[in-house]
Amino acid sequence: MICQELTIYSQNVKKNKILTDIILETRKANTNIIFIQEPLRYLIQCFLSYTNTEGNPPYRAPHYPE
């Protein structure tokens, strides 16, 4: 049986984009799973809506390519 080490890191970033980027960059080499609590969400753009005159605002979390 082969045993491998699994490394998990969890952090509440309190909607701080800089802290999120730092964690993702510094932990990517030696961490298997990274949990980010309270990530920053930002508005992409408003889409046409038949029920809301201002449109529907879709939000998304920051994207990290790795």
C-alpha atoms as a PDB file:
ATOM      1  CA  MET A   1       0.000   0.000   0.000  1.00  0.00           C
ATOM      2  CA  ILE A   2       1.348   3.417  -0.981  1.00  0.00           C
ATOM      3  CA  CYS A   3       0.644   6.227   1.483  1.00  0.00           C
ATOM      4  CA  GLN A   4       0.827   9.767   0.214  1.00  0.00           C
ATOM      5  CA  GLU A   5       0.540  12.952   2.197  1.00  0.00           C
ATOM      6  CA  LEU A   6      -2.510  15.150   1.662  1.00  0.00           C
ATOM      7  CA  THR A   7      -2.106  18.809   2.615  1.00  0.00           C
ATOM      8  CA  ILE A   8      -5.193  20.977   3.166  1.00  0.00           C
ATOM      9  CA  TYR A   9      -5.114  24.719   3.862  1.00  0.00           C
ATOM     10  CA  SER A  10      -8.143  26.786   4.918  1.00  0.00           C
ATOM     11  CA  GLN A  11      -8.310  30.561   5.421  1.00  0.00           C
ATOM     12  CA  ASN A  12     -10.967  33.227   5.848  1.00  0.00           C
ATOM     13  CA  VAL A  13      -9.765  36.119   3.678  1.00  0.00           C
ATOM     14  CA  LYS A  14     -12.630  38.501   4.604  1.00  0.00           C
ATOM     15  CA  LYS A  15     -13.134  39.620   0.973  1.00  0.00           C
ATOM     16  CA  ASN A  16      -9.493  40.701   0.618  1.00  0.00           C
ATOM     17  CA  LYS A  17      -8.262  40.117  -2.949  1.00  0.00           C
ATOM     18  CA  ILE A  18      -4.594  40.750  -2.108  1.00  0.00           C
ATOM     19  CA  LEU A  19      -4.640  38.171   0.691  1.00  0.00           C
ATOM     20  CA  THR A  20      -6.378  35.681  -1.617  1.00  0.00           C
ATOM     21  CA  ASP A  21      -3.707  36.154  -4.296  1.00  0.00           C
ATOM     22  CA  ILE A  22      -0.900  35.782  -1.733  1.00  0.00           C
ATOM     23  CA  ILE A  23      -2.350  32.552  -0.337  1.00  0.00           C
ATOM     24  CA  LEU A  24      -2.892  31.026  -3.765  1.00  0.00           C
ATOM     25  CA  GLU A  25       0.590  31.951  -4.954  1.00  0.00           C
ATOM     26  CA  THR A  26       2.512  30.864  -1.850  1.00  0.00           C
ATOM     27  CA  ARG A  27       0.562  27.657  -1.143  1.00  0.00           C
ATOM     28  CA  LYS A  28       0.266  26.286  -4.693  1.00  0.00           C
ATOM     29  CA  ALA A  29       3.503  24.267  -4.629  1.00  0.00           C
ATOM     30  CA  ASN A  30       2.995  22.389  -1.364  1.00  0.00           C
ATOM     31  CA  THR A  31      -0.798  22.241  -0.818  1.00  0.00           C
ATOM     32  CA  ASN A  32      -3.241  19.821  -2.443  1.00  0.00           C
ATOM     33  CA  ILE A  33      -6.519  21.504  -1.436  1.00  0.00           C
ATOM     34  CA  ILE A  34      -7.031  25.188  -0.592  1.00  0.00           C
ATOM     35  CA  PHE A  35     -10.302  26.373   0.941  1.00  0.00           C
ATOM     36  CA  ILE A  36     -10.968  30.113   0.689  1.00  0.00           C
ATOM     37  CA  GLN A  37     -13.747  31.378   2.948  1.00  0.00           C
ATOM     38  CA  GLU A  38     -15.452  34.721   2.172  1.00  0.00           C
ATOM     39  CA  PRO A  39     -13.725  35.373  -1.170  1.00  0.00           C
ATOM     40  CA  LEU A  40     -14.196  38.706  -2.904  1.00  0.00           C
ATOM     41  CA  ARG A  41     -17.022  38.707  -5.432  1.00  0.00           C
ATOM     42  CA  TYR A  42     -17.194  41.289  -8.152  1.00  0.00           C
ATOM     43  CA  LEU A  43     -19.787  42.373 -10.677  1.00  0.00           C
ATOM     44  CA  ILE A  44     -19.190  41.081 -14.215  1.00  0.00           C
ATOM     45  CA  GLN A  45     -21.888  43.099 -15.992  1.00  0.00           C
ATOM     46  CA  CYS A  46     -25.661  43.490 -15.872  1.00  0.00           C
ATOM     47  CA  PHE A  47     -27.750  41.326 -18.190  1.00  0.00           C
ATOM     48  CA  LEU A  48     -31.166  42.187 -19.621  1.00  0.00           C
ATOM     49  CA  SER A  49     -34.030  41.087 -17.407  1.00  0.00           C
ATOM     50  CA  TYR A  50     -37.762  41.093 -18.005  1.00  0.00           C
ATOM     51  CA  THR A  51     -38.485  41.332 -14.260  1.00  0.00           C
ATOM     52  CA  ASN A  52     -35.818  43.842 -13.156  1.00  0.00           C
ATOM     53  CA  THR A  53     -35.428  47.162 -15.001  1.00  0.00           C
ATOM     54  CA  GLU A  54     -31.800  47.501 -13.847  1.00  0.00           C
ATOM     55  CA  GLY A  55     -30.886  44.047 -15.127  1.00  0.00           C
ATOM     56  CA  ASN A  56     -29.619  40.953 -13.353  1.00  0.00           C
ATOM     57  CA  PRO A  57     -26.193  41.472 -11.773  1.00  0.00           C
ATOM     58  CA  PRO A  58     -24.147  38.226 -11.998  1.00  0.00           C
ATOM     59  CA  TYR A  59     -21.268  37.985  -9.544  1.00  0.00           C
ATOM     60  CA  ARG A  60     -18.294  35.667  -9.611  1.00  0.00           C
ATOM     61  CA  ALA A  61     -15.285  34.891  -7.472  1.00  0.00           C
ATOM     62  CA  PRO A  62     -11.767  35.691  -8.677  1.00  0.00           C
ATOM     63  CA  HIS A  63     -10.351  33.162 -11.139  1.00  0.00           C
ATOM     64  CA  TYR A  64      -6.930  31.644 -10.555  1.00  0.00           C
ATOM     65  CA  PRO A  65      -5.492  29.670 -13.508  1.00  0.00           C
ATOM     66  CA  GLU A  66      -3.745  27.029 -11.400  1.00  0.00           C
END
